Protein backbone atom coordinates (compact mmCIF):
# COMPACT_ATOMS: atom_id res chain seq x y z
CA MET A 1 192.76 1.45 -64.06
CA ARG A 2 195.27 3.54 -65.99
CA TYR A 3 195.37 7.30 -65.96
CA ARG A 4 196.82 9.56 -68.53
CA VAL A 5 199.79 11.61 -67.47
CA GLY A 6 198.64 14.83 -65.85
CA MET A 7 195.24 13.49 -64.76
CA THR A 8 194.46 13.91 -61.10
CA ARG A 9 192.15 11.55 -59.31
CA TYR A 10 190.28 13.22 -56.49
CA PRO A 11 189.44 11.29 -53.34
CA GLU A 12 185.79 10.32 -52.92
CA SER A 13 185.48 12.93 -50.17
CA HIS A 14 186.18 15.65 -52.76
CA LYS A 15 182.87 14.96 -54.50
CA GLN A 16 180.99 15.06 -51.20
CA GLU A 17 182.72 18.30 -50.19
CA THR A 18 181.95 19.89 -53.55
CA ARG A 19 178.31 18.86 -53.33
CA ALA A 20 178.10 20.30 -49.81
CA ARG A 21 179.67 23.56 -51.05
CA ILE A 22 177.11 23.80 -53.86
CA VAL A 23 174.23 23.24 -51.41
CA ALA A 24 175.63 25.81 -48.96
CA VAL A 25 176.05 28.42 -51.68
CA ALA A 26 172.64 27.63 -53.18
CA SER A 27 171.10 27.96 -49.73
CA GLY A 28 172.51 31.45 -49.26
CA VAL A 29 171.37 32.47 -52.75
CA ALA A 30 167.90 30.96 -52.29
CA LEU A 31 167.38 32.58 -48.89
CA THR A 32 167.98 36.02 -50.41
CA GLN A 33 166.68 35.56 -53.98
CA GLY A 34 164.34 32.58 -53.85
CA PHE A 35 164.48 29.51 -56.06
CA SER A 36 164.41 31.69 -59.17
CA ALA A 37 168.21 32.02 -59.13
CA GLY A 38 169.64 30.03 -62.02
CA ILE A 39 172.17 27.23 -61.95
CA ASP A 40 174.76 29.47 -63.64
CA ARG A 41 174.56 32.03 -60.82
CA ILE A 42 174.77 29.37 -58.13
CA MET A 43 177.71 27.55 -59.70
CA LYS A 44 179.58 30.79 -60.33
CA ALA A 45 179.10 31.78 -56.69
CA ALA A 46 180.46 28.35 -55.71
CA GLY A 47 183.50 28.88 -57.98
CA LEU A 48 182.45 26.06 -60.31
CA THR A 49 181.18 25.67 -63.87
CA ARG A 50 177.63 24.88 -64.91
CA GLY A 51 178.78 21.56 -66.37
CA GLY A 52 179.98 20.48 -62.94
CA PHE A 53 176.49 20.85 -61.54
CA TYR A 54 175.27 17.65 -63.18
CA ALA A 55 178.04 15.60 -61.57
CA HIS A 56 176.27 16.26 -58.26
CA PHE A 57 172.56 16.76 -59.04
CA ARG A 58 170.17 15.36 -61.63
CA SER A 59 168.15 18.56 -61.71
CA LYS A 60 167.65 21.95 -60.11
CA ALA A 61 164.66 20.46 -58.26
CA GLU A 62 167.02 17.98 -56.58
CA LEU A 63 169.23 20.88 -55.48
CA GLU A 64 166.17 22.76 -54.14
CA ASP A 65 165.24 19.68 -52.12
CA ALA A 66 168.77 19.54 -50.65
CA VAL A 67 168.67 23.27 -49.87
CA ILE A 68 165.38 22.95 -47.97
CA ALA A 69 166.64 19.95 -45.99
CA GLN A 70 169.90 21.61 -45.01
CA ALA A 71 168.47 25.06 -44.29
CA MET A 72 165.66 23.72 -42.11
CA ASP A 73 167.99 21.33 -40.26
CA ASN A 74 170.40 24.22 -39.65
CA THR A 75 167.58 26.43 -38.36
CA ARG A 76 166.33 23.77 -35.97
CA ALA A 77 169.86 23.17 -34.63
CA TRP A 78 170.47 26.94 -34.35
CA LEU A 79 167.29 27.50 -32.36
CA LEU A 80 167.64 24.45 -30.14
CA SER A 81 171.18 25.46 -29.22
CA ARG A 82 169.62 28.60 -27.72
CA SER A 83 167.12 26.60 -25.65
CA PRO A 84 168.50 23.19 -24.73
CA GLU A 85 166.20 22.82 -21.73
CA GLU A 86 162.72 21.48 -22.35
CA ARG A 87 159.34 22.50 -20.93
CA SER A 88 160.52 25.54 -19.05
CA GLY A 89 159.36 29.11 -19.35
CA LYS A 90 162.82 30.08 -20.58
CA ALA A 91 162.93 27.54 -23.43
CA LEU A 92 160.20 29.02 -25.60
CA ARG A 93 161.28 32.60 -24.82
CA ALA A 94 164.82 31.81 -26.01
CA ILE A 95 163.50 30.52 -29.36
CA VAL A 96 161.06 33.40 -29.81
CA ASP A 97 163.58 36.09 -28.89
CA VAL A 98 166.21 34.81 -31.32
CA TYR A 99 163.81 34.07 -34.17
CA LEU A 100 161.84 37.32 -33.97
CA SER A 101 164.94 39.46 -33.64
CA GLU A 102 166.00 42.32 -35.87
CA ARG A 103 169.19 40.41 -36.62
CA HIS A 104 167.28 37.42 -38.02
CA ARG A 105 165.05 39.79 -39.98
CA ASP A 106 168.06 41.60 -41.44
CA GLU A 107 170.17 38.54 -42.31
CA PRO A 108 167.98 36.28 -44.45
CA GLU A 109 171.04 34.57 -45.97
CA ASN A 110 171.81 33.13 -42.51
CA GLY A 111 168.23 32.58 -41.43
CA CYS A 112 165.32 30.22 -41.53
CA PRO A 113 163.93 29.18 -44.91
CA LEU A 114 160.31 29.33 -43.72
CA PRO A 115 159.83 33.10 -44.20
CA ALA A 116 162.13 33.20 -47.22
CA LEU A 117 161.11 30.15 -49.24
CA SER A 118 157.60 28.99 -48.29
CA ALA A 119 156.03 30.58 -51.38
CA ASP A 120 158.70 29.00 -53.61
CA VAL A 121 158.19 25.61 -51.99
CA ALA A 122 154.45 25.83 -52.63
CA ARG A 123 155.31 25.85 -56.35
CA ALA A 124 158.08 23.22 -56.10
CA ASP A 125 157.95 19.55 -56.99
CA ASP A 126 156.51 16.90 -54.68
CA ASP A 127 159.90 15.78 -53.32
CA THR A 128 160.79 19.30 -52.19
CA ARG A 129 157.35 19.81 -50.67
CA ASP A 130 157.65 16.47 -48.84
CA THR A 131 161.06 17.45 -47.48
CA TYR A 132 159.68 20.82 -46.39
CA THR A 133 156.72 19.13 -44.68
CA SER A 134 158.85 16.58 -42.82
CA ARG A 135 161.29 19.26 -41.62
CA LEU A 136 158.41 21.58 -40.61
CA LEU A 137 156.94 18.78 -38.50
CA LEU A 138 160.34 18.18 -36.85
CA TRP A 139 160.63 21.91 -36.16
CA ALA A 140 157.13 22.03 -34.64
CA SER A 141 157.91 18.93 -32.54
CA ALA A 142 161.01 20.65 -31.16
CA VAL A 143 158.88 23.65 -30.20
CA GLU A 144 156.25 21.35 -28.71
CA ALA A 145 158.91 19.72 -26.50
CA ARG A 146 159.50 23.14 -24.96
CA LEU A 147 155.84 23.84 -24.13
CA PRO A 148 154.22 23.16 -20.77
CA ALA A 149 150.95 21.21 -20.72
CA GLY A 150 147.86 23.28 -21.51
CA LYS A 151 144.20 23.09 -22.52
CA THR A 152 144.95 23.26 -26.25
CA PRO A 153 146.94 20.28 -27.55
CA SER A 154 150.61 21.20 -27.42
CA PHE A 155 151.30 20.27 -31.06
CA ASP A 156 148.55 22.66 -32.21
CA ARG A 157 150.11 25.41 -30.11
CA ALA A 158 153.54 24.57 -31.53
CA LEU A 159 152.25 24.84 -35.12
CA ALA A 160 150.65 28.19 -34.29
CA ILE A 161 153.92 29.43 -32.77
CA VAL A 162 155.94 28.34 -35.80
CA ALA A 163 153.43 30.09 -38.08
CA LEU A 164 153.68 33.28 -35.99
CA LEU A 165 157.47 33.16 -36.09
CA ALA A 166 157.78 32.58 -39.83
CA GLY A 167 154.93 34.93 -40.73
CA GLY A 168 156.23 37.62 -38.42
CA VAL A 169 159.69 37.61 -39.98
CA ALA A 170 158.26 37.48 -43.52
CA LEU A 171 156.04 40.52 -42.90
CA ALA A 172 158.75 42.41 -41.00
CA ARG A 173 161.11 41.94 -43.95
CA ALA A 174 158.51 43.02 -46.49
CA VAL A 175 157.46 46.39 -45.09
CA ARG A 176 159.55 49.50 -45.77
CA GLU A 177 158.79 51.40 -42.57
CA PRO A 178 161.33 50.44 -39.84
CA ALA A 179 158.97 51.24 -36.96
CA LEU A 180 156.24 49.03 -38.42
CA SER A 181 158.73 46.24 -39.05
CA LYS A 182 159.86 46.31 -35.43
CA ARG A 183 156.25 46.46 -34.26
CA ILE A 184 155.40 43.33 -36.26
CA LEU A 185 158.27 41.47 -34.59
CA ASP A 186 157.19 42.65 -31.14
CA VAL A 187 153.49 41.85 -31.65
CA CYS A 188 154.28 38.35 -32.95
CA LYS A 189 156.67 37.79 -30.05
CA ARG A 190 153.96 38.62 -27.50
CA ALA A 191 151.39 36.50 -29.32
CA ALA A 192 153.73 33.50 -29.54
CA LEU A 193 154.57 33.68 -25.84
CA ARG A 194 150.86 33.81 -24.93
CA LEU A 195 150.49 30.40 -26.59
CA GLU A 196 152.94 28.84 -24.12
């Protein structure tokens, strides 16, 4: 294949790196502003033009799907790195303490998409909802692996814990009163640990 003088051919890895950069930027934007942020804003934040978007994604919905997959995978890895041991009293506490922390509450751009994007996902297309569902089940399975045996099936307890974690952070972020916000985190922390 001939190239005109002055044309630069990028290696195949360049396209993959650019796509990854778009997803990472879109994830940060979505975690703070929801899926309502437009393609122009996302591409500008990534240092790219709107026209370049379509070289990597067929639609904004496809980008949203990629954002959910990456953000939820990152959250699971982040939490599991805090509690590598399974089925010990320390494992669940490590997850709960990190997730229901003031730092996680105050840094949504670096946090879990569950409290930030669940309402947006409920209105998203089927592919994004399927991705969300599959990653939620993986997340709950990782929590389940850290629970001792009990009377209630462990997967049910894991789902309840995940709901307490995500709901606790969502509510703590939404209220304006700092003392109430902290109380919500503390109450959810105690409730989640009682499900162990």
